[in-house]
N, C-alpha and C. Protein backbone atom coordinates (compact mmCIF):
# COMPACT_ATOMS: atom_id res chain seq x y z
N MET A 1 -18.58 8.27 -29.65
CA MET A 1 -17.76 7.77 -28.16
C MET A 1 -19.81 7.10 -27.77
N ALA A 2 -19.36 5.82 -27.14
CA ALA A 2 -21.12 5.46 -26.62
C ALA A 2 -20.83 5.89 -24.93
N LYS A 3 -22.27 5.83 -24.73
CA LYS A 3 -22.34 6.30 -23.27
C LYS A 3 -23.16 5.75 -22.29
N LEU A 4 -22.35 5.15 -21.04
CA LEU A 4 -22.17 4.14 -20.09
C LEU A 4 -23.38 4.10 -19.04
N THR A 5 -24.50 3.42 -18.85
CA THR A 5 -25.27 3.38 -18.18
C THR A 5 -25.18 3.58 -16.71
N LYS A 6 -25.71 3.87 -15.44
CA LYS A 6 -25.43 3.19 -14.09
C LYS A 6 -24.67 1.83 -14.21
N ASN A 7 -25.49 0.87 -14.71
CA ASN A 7 -25.54 -0.12 -14.68
C ASN A 7 -24.20 -1.03 -15.14
N ASP A 8 -23.65 -0.29 -16.41
CA ASP A 8 -22.93 -0.57 -16.63
C ASP A 8 -21.52 -0.12 -16.33
N LEU A 9 -21.75 0.83 -15.66
CA LEU A 9 -20.49 1.03 -14.30
C LEU A 9 -20.62 0.64 -13.39
N HIS A 10 -21.25 -0.19 -13.00
CA HIS A 10 -21.27 -0.57 -11.34
C HIS A 10 -20.50 -2.67 -11.98
N SER A 11 -21.06 -2.51 -13.09
CA SER A 11 -20.22 -4.07 -13.77
C SER A 11 -19.00 -3.51 -13.99
N LEU A 12 -18.55 -2.79 -14.33
CA LEU A 12 -16.88 -2.50 -14.41
C LEU A 12 -15.92 -2.30 -13.09
N LYS A 13 -17.06 -1.62 -12.29
CA LYS A 13 -16.83 -1.28 -10.99
C LYS A 13 -16.28 -2.69 -10.54
N ALA A 14 -17.22 -3.43 -10.21
CA ALA A 14 -17.25 -5.20 -10.06
C ALA A 14 -15.86 -5.85 -10.10
N LYS A 15 -16.21 -5.88 -12.10
CA LYS A 15 -15.89 -6.33 -12.66
C LYS A 15 -13.14 -6.57 -12.10
N TYR A 16 -13.54 -4.75 -12.23
CA TYR A 16 -11.96 -4.00 -11.27
C TYR A 16 -11.90 -4.76 -10.15
N ALA A 17 -13.07 -4.65 -9.57
CA ALA A 17 -12.50 -5.28 -7.59
C ALA A 17 -12.40 -6.77 -7.69
N ALA A 18 -13.27 -7.32 -8.37
CA ALA A 18 -12.81 -8.85 -8.16
C ALA A 18 -11.32 -9.70 -8.75
N SER A 19 -10.53 -8.14 -10.00
CA SER A 19 -9.12 -8.76 -10.43
C SER A 19 -8.79 -8.25 -9.65
N GLU A 20 -8.58 -7.09 -8.69
CA GLU A 20 -7.59 -6.34 -8.08
C GLU A 20 -6.84 -7.26 -7.38
N LYS A 21 -5.09 -6.93 -7.40
CA LYS A 21 -4.58 -7.43 -6.75
C LYS A 21 -4.25 -7.13 -5.67
N ASN A 22 -4.03 -7.46 -4.21
CA ASN A 22 -3.74 -6.69 -3.07
C ASN A 22 -2.37 -6.20 -3.46
N TRP A 23 -1.68 -5.27 -3.23
CA TRP A 23 -0.45 -4.08 -3.89
C TRP A 23 0.67 -3.46 -2.27
N ILE A 24 1.39 -3.30 -2.71
CA ILE A 24 2.56 -2.01 -1.42
C ILE A 24 3.29 -1.49 -2.56
N LYS A 25 2.98 -0.27 -2.24
CA LYS A 25 3.81 1.33 -2.78
C LYS A 25 4.87 1.57 -1.78
N VAL A 26 5.74 1.43 -2.69
CA VAL A 26 7.04 2.65 -1.53
C VAL A 26 7.79 3.42 -2.20
N GLY A 27 7.41 4.82 -1.24
CA GLY A 27 7.51 6.03 -2.20
C GLY A 27 9.14 5.77 -2.61
N PHE A 28 9.33 5.96 -3.74
CA PHE A 28 11.36 6.58 -3.78
C PHE A 28 11.58 7.44 -4.51
N SER A 29 10.73 8.88 -4.29
CA SER A 29 11.36 9.78 -4.55
C SER A 29 12.68 10.38 -3.91
N THR A 30 13.31 11.29 -3.91
CA THR A 30 14.38 11.58 -4.00
C THR A 30 14.66 11.49 -2.06
N CYS A 31 13.42 12.87 -1.58
CA CYS A 31 13.35 12.45 -0.13
C CYS A 31 12.98 11.16 0.61
N GLY A 32 12.30 10.40 -0.14
CA GLY A 32 12.21 8.87 0.26
C GLY A 32 13.53 7.96 0.31
N ILE A 33 13.70 7.92 -0.42
CA ILE A 33 15.26 7.54 -0.79
C ILE A 33 15.82 7.46 0.23
N ALA A 34 16.20 9.25 0.79
CA ALA A 34 17.29 9.54 1.57
C ALA A 34 16.72 9.27 3.14
N ALA A 35 15.25 8.69 3.12
CA ALA A 35 14.95 9.10 4.35
C ALA A 35 14.62 7.54 4.73
N GLY A 36 15.11 6.00 3.56
CA GLY A 36 15.21 5.35 4.23
C GLY A 36 14.26 4.07 3.52
N ALA A 37 14.11 5.17 2.18
CA ALA A 37 12.77 3.24 1.52
C ALA A 37 13.46 2.47 0.90
N GLN A 38 14.24 2.41 0.48
CA GLN A 38 15.32 1.56 0.48
C GLN A 38 15.33 0.07 0.95
N LYS A 39 15.58 0.43 2.50
CA LYS A 39 15.81 0.01 3.13
C LYS A 39 14.64 -1.24 3.94
N VAL A 40 13.35 -0.11 3.39
CA VAL A 40 12.23 -0.80 4.32
C VAL A 40 11.14 -1.34 3.33
N TYR A 41 11.82 -0.98 1.52
CA TYR A 41 11.39 -1.38 0.28
C TYR A 41 11.71 -3.28 0.47
N ASP A 42 12.62 -3.41 1.02
CA ASP A 42 14.00 -4.55 0.76
C ASP A 42 13.46 -5.60 2.10
N VAL A 43 12.75 -4.98 3.16
CA VAL A 43 12.01 -5.10 4.52
C VAL A 43 11.01 -6.06 3.86
N LEU A 44 10.01 -5.18 3.27
CA LEU A 44 8.92 -5.65 2.98
C LEU A 44 9.18 -6.90 2.20
N CYS A 45 9.80 -6.75 0.75
CA CYS A 45 10.17 -7.97 0.83
C CYS A 45 10.15 -9.08 0.89
N ASP A 46 11.37 -9.29 2.20
CA ASP A 46 11.70 -10.17 2.92
C ASP A 46 10.62 -10.86 3.34
N GLU A 47 9.89 -9.90 4.36
CA GLU A 47 8.97 -10.47 5.06
C GLU A 47 7.21 -11.22 4.35
N ALA A 48 7.53 -10.69 2.97
CA ALA A 48 6.64 -10.86 2.47
C ALA A 48 6.74 -12.28 1.96
N ARG A 49 7.98 -12.96 1.27
CA ARG A 49 8.87 -13.96 1.22
C ARG A 49 8.29 -15.07 2.41
N LYS A 50 8.53 -14.81 4.24
CA LYS A 50 8.88 -15.41 5.08
C LYS A 50 7.09 -15.90 5.71
N ASN A 51 6.36 -14.67 4.62
CA ASN A 51 4.68 -15.04 4.86
C ASN A 51 4.01 -15.78 4.42
N ASN A 52 4.55 -15.60 2.90
CA ASN A 52 4.07 -16.50 2.44
C ASN A 52 2.85 -15.67 1.90
N ALA A 53 3.20 -14.57 2.08
CA ALA A 53 1.72 -13.14 1.42
C ALA A 53 1.90 -13.04 -0.44
N GLU A 54 0.37 -13.40 -0.79
CA GLU A 54 0.05 -12.71 -1.93
C GLU A 54 0.06 -11.36 -2.18
N ILE A 55 1.06 -10.72 -2.12
CA ILE A 55 0.61 -9.02 -2.54
C ILE A 55 2.22 -9.12 -3.50
N GLU A 56 1.89 -7.54 -3.99
CA GLU A 56 3.24 -7.01 -4.98
C GLU A 56 3.24 -5.70 -4.34
N ILE A 57 4.97 -5.82 -4.09
CA ILE A 57 5.55 -4.41 -3.76
C ILE A 57 6.01 -4.08 -4.88
N LYS A 58 5.82 -3.06 -5.06
CA LYS A 58 6.48 -1.79 -5.76
C LYS A 58 6.65 -0.28 -5.74
N LYS A 59 7.59 0.11 -6.48
CA LYS A 59 8.41 1.46 -6.30
C LYS A 59 7.47 2.75 -6.90
N CYS A 60 7.10 3.57 -5.98
CA CYS A 60 6.42 4.48 -6.97
C CYS A 60 6.93 5.96 -6.99
N GLY A 61 6.66 6.85 -6.91
CA GLY A 61 7.32 8.26 -7.22
C GLY A 61 7.23 9.04 -6.15
N CYS A 62 6.78 10.41 -6.15
CA CYS A 62 6.86 11.01 -4.99
C CYS A 62 4.76 11.14 -4.39
N VAL A 63 4.34 11.43 -3.45
CA VAL A 63 3.15 11.08 -3.19
C VAL A 63 3.08 12.23 -2.47
N GLY A 64 4.17 12.91 -2.24
CA GLY A 64 3.86 14.91 -1.76
C GLY A 64 3.91 15.23 -0.25
N MET A 65 4.34 14.63 0.37
CA MET A 65 4.30 14.15 1.80
C MET A 65 6.06 14.05 2.29
N CYS A 66 6.60 14.82 2.25
CA CYS A 66 8.31 14.63 1.94
C CYS A 66 8.61 14.60 3.92
N SER A 67 7.41 15.64 4.64
CA SER A 67 8.53 14.90 6.13
C SER A 67 7.74 13.96 6.68
N ALA A 68 6.89 13.32 5.84
CA ALA A 68 6.62 11.72 6.22
C ALA A 68 7.09 10.19 5.85
N GLU A 69 7.87 11.15 5.24
CA GLU A 69 9.17 9.59 4.62
C GLU A 69 9.90 8.82 5.19
N PRO A 70 10.15 7.53 5.09
CA PRO A 70 9.27 6.96 4.21
C PRO A 70 8.12 6.28 3.91
N LEU A 71 6.90 6.40 3.00
CA LEU A 71 5.52 6.75 2.75
C LEU A 71 5.57 5.14 2.12
N VAL A 72 4.65 4.70 3.10
CA VAL A 72 3.94 3.07 1.76
C VAL A 72 2.81 3.16 2.14
N GLU A 73 2.53 2.91 0.69
CA GLU A 73 0.71 2.52 0.46
C GLU A 73 0.13 1.74 -0.08
N VAL A 74 -0.75 0.57 1.20
CA VAL A 74 -0.93 -0.31 0.90
C VAL A 74 -2.57 -0.51 0.82
N ASN A 75 -2.71 -1.60 -0.21
CA ASN A 75 -3.95 -1.55 -0.59
C ASN A 75 -4.13 -3.11 -0.23
N VAL A 76 -4.98 -3.45 0.61
CA VAL A 76 -5.81 -5.01 0.73
C VAL A 76 -7.01 -5.09 0.37
N LYS A 77 -7.45 -6.15 -0.37
CA LYS A 77 -8.67 -6.29 -0.29
C LYS A 77 -9.84 -6.49 1.04
N GLY A 78 -10.65 -5.80 0.43
CA GLY A 78 -11.67 -6.08 1.92
C GLY A 78 -11.53 -4.52 3.11
N LEU A 79 -10.20 -4.04 2.41
CA LEU A 79 -9.48 -3.48 4.00
C LEU A 79 -9.92 -1.71 2.93
N PRO A 80 -9.77 -1.04 3.41
CA PRO A 80 -9.58 0.79 2.76
C PRO A 80 -7.70 0.64 2.23
N ARG A 81 -8.07 1.25 2.01
CA ARG A 81 -6.25 2.15 0.98
C ARG A 81 -5.52 2.38 2.11
N VAL A 82 -4.26 2.86 2.70
CA VAL A 82 -3.96 3.42 3.77
C VAL A 82 -2.74 3.45 3.22
N PHE A 83 -2.31 5.19 3.65
CA PHE A 83 -0.74 5.38 3.91
C PHE A 83 -0.04 5.59 5.00
N TYR A 84 0.88 5.06 4.75
CA TYR A 84 1.72 5.08 6.35
C TYR A 84 2.98 5.89 6.15
N GLY A 85 3.03 6.49 7.64
CA GLY A 85 4.60 7.28 6.93
C GLY A 85 5.08 6.96 7.98
N LYS A 86 6.84 7.57 7.84
CA LYS A 86 7.61 7.39 8.76
C LYS A 86 8.02 5.86 9.05
N VAL A 87 7.88 4.92 8.12
CA VAL A 87 8.15 3.86 8.40
C VAL A 87 9.44 3.52 8.35
N ASP A 88 9.58 2.82 9.32
CA ASP A 88 11.16 1.94 9.70
C ASP A 88 10.96 0.38 9.78
N ARG A 89 12.29 -0.20 10.03
CA ARG A 89 12.06 -1.70 9.68
C ARG A 89 10.98 -2.50 10.73
N GLU A 90 10.68 -1.83 11.74
CA GLU A 90 9.96 -2.22 12.72
C GLU A 90 8.85 -2.40 12.20
N THR A 91 7.89 -1.66 11.91
CA THR A 91 6.69 -0.72 11.02
C THR A 91 6.82 -1.26 9.85
N ALA A 92 7.95 -1.85 9.13
CA ALA A 92 7.28 -2.64 7.94
C ALA A 92 7.07 -3.79 8.18
N ILE A 93 7.66 -4.55 9.29
CA ILE A 93 7.54 -5.83 9.59
C ILE A 93 6.02 -5.70 10.15
N GLU A 94 5.31 -5.00 10.93
CA GLU A 94 4.16 -4.58 11.38
C GLU A 94 2.80 -4.76 10.47
N ILE A 95 3.04 -3.85 9.08
CA ILE A 95 2.28 -3.99 8.28
C ILE A 95 2.03 -4.62 7.65
N MET A 96 3.40 -5.75 7.22
CA MET A 96 2.95 -7.32 6.52
C MET A 96 2.89 -8.27 8.07
N GLU A 97 2.72 -7.99 8.66
CA GLU A 97 2.43 -9.39 9.65
C GLU A 97 0.80 -8.64 10.10
N LYS A 98 0.31 -7.59 10.65
CA LYS A 98 -0.56 -6.77 10.63
C LYS A 98 -1.80 -6.83 9.78
N HIS A 99 -1.42 -5.71 8.88
CA HIS A 99 -1.91 -5.20 7.42
C HIS A 99 -2.35 -6.17 6.81
N VAL A 100 -1.18 -6.42 5.86
CA VAL A 100 -1.62 -7.23 4.97
C VAL A 100 -1.57 -9.31 5.36
N CYS A 101 -1.16 -9.22 6.00
CA CYS A 101 -1.82 -11.06 6.91
C CYS A 101 -2.85 -11.11 7.93
N GLY A 102 -2.63 -10.12 8.65
CA GLY A 102 -3.86 -10.23 9.85
C GLY A 102 -5.08 -9.03 10.09
N ASN A 103 -5.05 -8.53 8.63
CA ASN A 103 -6.18 -7.61 8.11
C ASN A 103 -6.73 -7.18 9.22
N LEU A 104 -5.87 -6.39 9.61
CA LEU A 104 -5.59 -5.20 10.74
C LEU A 104 -5.03 -4.04 10.46
N LEU A 105 -5.44 -3.19 10.66
CA LEU A 105 -4.48 -1.47 10.39
C LEU A 105 -3.56 -1.40 11.58
N VAL A 106 -2.12 -0.79 10.99
CA VAL A 106 -1.30 -0.38 12.39
C VAL A 106 -1.89 0.95 12.77
N ASN A 107 -2.56 1.65 12.98
CA ASN A 107 -3.07 2.57 14.00
C ASN A 107 -1.92 3.71 13.85
N ASP A 108 -0.92 3.45 14.39
CA ASP A 108 0.16 4.32 15.23
C ASP A 108 0.91 5.03 14.00
N ARG A 109 0.81 4.66 13.12
CA ARG A 109 1.23 5.23 11.68
C ARG A 109 0.88 5.46 10.44
N ILE A 110 -0.81 5.91 11.29
CA ILE A 110 -1.31 6.04 9.14
C ILE A 110 -1.03 7.43 9.39
N TYR A 111 -1.07 8.00 8.29
CA TYR A 111 -1.08 8.99 7.63
C TYR A 111 -2.66 9.51 6.79
N ASP A 112 -2.83 8.81 6.23
CA ASP A 112 -4.22 9.26 5.18
C ASP A 112 -4.62 7.34 5.23
N VAL A 113 -6.34 7.76 5.26
CA VAL A 113 -7.00 6.63 4.90
C VAL A 113 -7.82 6.82 3.41
N LYS A 114 -7.79 5.94 2.88
CA LYS A 114 -8.85 6.64 1.33
C LYS A 114 -9.85 4.82 1.21
N VAL A 115 -10.91 5.23 1.01
CA VAL A 115 -11.62 4.15 1.30
C VAL A 115 -12.31 3.91 -0.05
N ASN A 116 -12.40 2.63 -0.32
CA ASN A 116 -13.08 2.74 -2.30
C ASN A 116 -14.56 2.76 -2.65
C-alpha cells in the first residue's frame, strides 16, 4: 500500500470539499419517527422546493440523542456542520430560510456543531 504525503492529503481534502454538496439529514430512528421526524422531513422538502434551494434532504438512522428528537443535521458549504434538536415545523422552516438560504445559524435549537 502506498503512503500518502501531507500534500496528497491536502489535495484530497480540497478535492472532496470542492465536490461536496449541501445536505440535510433527518434522524429516522424509532424515537425520531415517534417525535415527528416525518413531518419535519416533509416540511424541509416543501421549503427546499419553495426556495429553490440546492440541497439534498436525506433520512438517516440513530444519532444517539433520543431526548432531542427530531434531530436534523445540516451541512452547508462555508458553514460548520450543525445538529439541530427538537425540530418542529416552525424550526424546520427557519432552518431552510436562515441556515440554508441565508447562511445564518438558528442559535436557539443548536445541539452540536462540527467544524470541518
